[in-house]
Protein backbone atom coordinates (compact mmCIF):
# COMPACT_ATOMS: atom_id res chain seq x y z
CA MET A 1 -27.62 -14.74 -55.73
CA ALA A 2 -26.67 -11.24 -54.57
CA LYS A 3 -29.95 -9.90 -55.94
CA LYS A 4 -31.89 -12.41 -53.87
CA GLN A 5 -29.94 -11.48 -50.73
CA ASP A 6 -30.69 -7.79 -51.37
CA ASP A 7 -34.38 -8.60 -51.82
CA LEU A 8 -34.44 -10.58 -48.58
CA ARG A 9 -32.68 -7.81 -46.75
CA THR A 10 -35.08 -5.19 -48.12
CA ILE A 11 -38.09 -7.27 -47.09
CA LEU A 12 -36.71 -7.74 -43.59
CA ILE A 13 -35.92 -4.03 -43.19
CA LYS A 14 -39.41 -3.08 -44.32
CA ALA A 15 -40.96 -5.58 -41.90
CA LYS A 16 -38.94 -4.18 -38.99
CA PHE A 17 -39.82 -0.63 -40.03
CA TYR A 18 -43.53 -1.42 -40.14
CA ARG A 19 -43.36 -3.26 -36.81
CA THR A 20 -41.58 -0.32 -35.15
CA PHE A 21 -44.11 2.20 -36.40
CA ALA A 22 -46.95 -0.10 -35.37
CA LEU A 23 -45.59 0.04 -31.82
CA VAL A 24 -45.37 3.84 -32.05
CA PHE A 25 -48.98 4.03 -33.22
CA ILE A 26 -50.10 1.65 -30.45
CA THR A 27 -48.46 3.92 -27.89
CA LEU A 28 -50.08 7.00 -29.40
CA GLY A 29 -53.40 5.16 -29.57
CA ILE A 30 -53.22 4.38 -25.87
CA PHE A 31 -52.55 8.03 -25.05
CA ILE A 32 -55.40 9.19 -27.29
CA PHE A 33 -57.68 6.56 -25.77
CA CYS A 34 -56.80 7.71 -22.25
CA PHE A 35 -57.38 11.35 -23.18
CA LEU A 36 -60.76 10.58 -24.75
CA TYR A 37 -61.77 8.39 -21.84
CA ILE A 38 -60.92 11.02 -19.23
CA SER A 39 -62.49 13.90 -21.15
CA ASN A 40 -65.71 12.14 -22.21
CA ILE A 41 -66.54 9.20 -19.97
CA GLU A 42 -65.49 10.29 -16.46
CA GLY A 43 -66.66 7.13 -14.69
CA ARG A 44 -69.81 6.49 -16.75
CA LEU A 45 -68.32 3.46 -18.49
CA PHE A 46 -71.49 1.38 -18.83
CA ASP A 47 -73.48 4.32 -20.19
CA ALA A 48 -70.73 4.96 -22.75
CA LEU A 49 -70.57 1.33 -23.84
CA ARG A 50 -74.24 1.44 -24.83
CA ASP A 51 -73.46 4.08 -27.45
CA PRO A 52 -71.88 2.52 -30.59
CA PHE A 53 -70.40 5.86 -31.62
CA THR A 54 -68.33 5.98 -28.43
CA ILE A 55 -66.93 2.51 -29.05
CA THR A 56 -66.03 3.49 -32.62
CA VAL A 57 -64.27 6.65 -31.47
CA PHE A 58 -62.22 4.64 -29.00
CA LEU A 59 -61.19 2.07 -31.61
CA VAL A 60 -60.18 4.53 -34.35
CA PRO A 61 -56.75 5.44 -32.83
CA PHE A 62 -55.71 1.78 -33.07
CA ILE A 63 -56.50 1.28 -36.78
CA PRO A 64 -53.09 2.49 -38.10
CA ALA A 65 -51.30 0.22 -35.65
CA ALA A 66 -53.38 -2.77 -36.68
CA PHE A 67 -52.76 -2.09 -40.37
CA LEU A 68 -48.99 -1.66 -39.95
CA SER A 69 -48.80 -4.78 -37.81
CA TRP A 70 -50.67 -6.72 -40.49
CA MET A 71 -48.28 -5.42 -43.17
CA ALA A 72 -45.26 -6.38 -41.06
CA ASP A 73 -46.66 -9.86 -40.53
CA ARG A 74 -47.17 -10.34 -44.27
CA LEU A 75 -43.62 -9.23 -45.02
CA GLU A 76 -42.17 -11.47 -42.30
CA GLN A 77 -44.03 -14.45 -43.75
CA LYS A 78 -42.72 -13.57 -47.21
CA TYR A 79 -39.20 -13.30 -45.80
CA HIS A 80 -39.43 -16.72 -44.16
CA THR A 81 -40.78 -18.42 -47.28
CA LEU A 82 -38.13 -16.84 -49.53
CA SER A 83 -35.31 -17.59 -47.11
CA GLN A 84 -36.31 -21.26 -46.88
CA LYS A 85 -36.34 -21.58 -50.68
CA LYS A 86 -32.69 -20.54 -50.60
C-alpha cells in the first residue's frame, strides 16, 4: 500500500513539474515570438503569412511547451486512473 502511495505521489509531482515548465516555456515562447515579430515583420503581417517559413519560425518556440503540456496531461490521467483503482 505504501509503495502505491509513493508511486501516486511521484506521478503527481512529475505532472506538476512538467506543467510548471510548460508554463515557463510558453512565457519564453511569447517573448521569442514578440522579438521575432518586431525584428522581422514590422507591420507587414499579411506578406509574412504568405511565407510558410515565417509561420514555421513563429511556431517553433512553442513546441517544447506543447510537448511538456502533453506529458503532464498523460501523467495526470494516469494519476487519476490509479487513484480511482485504490
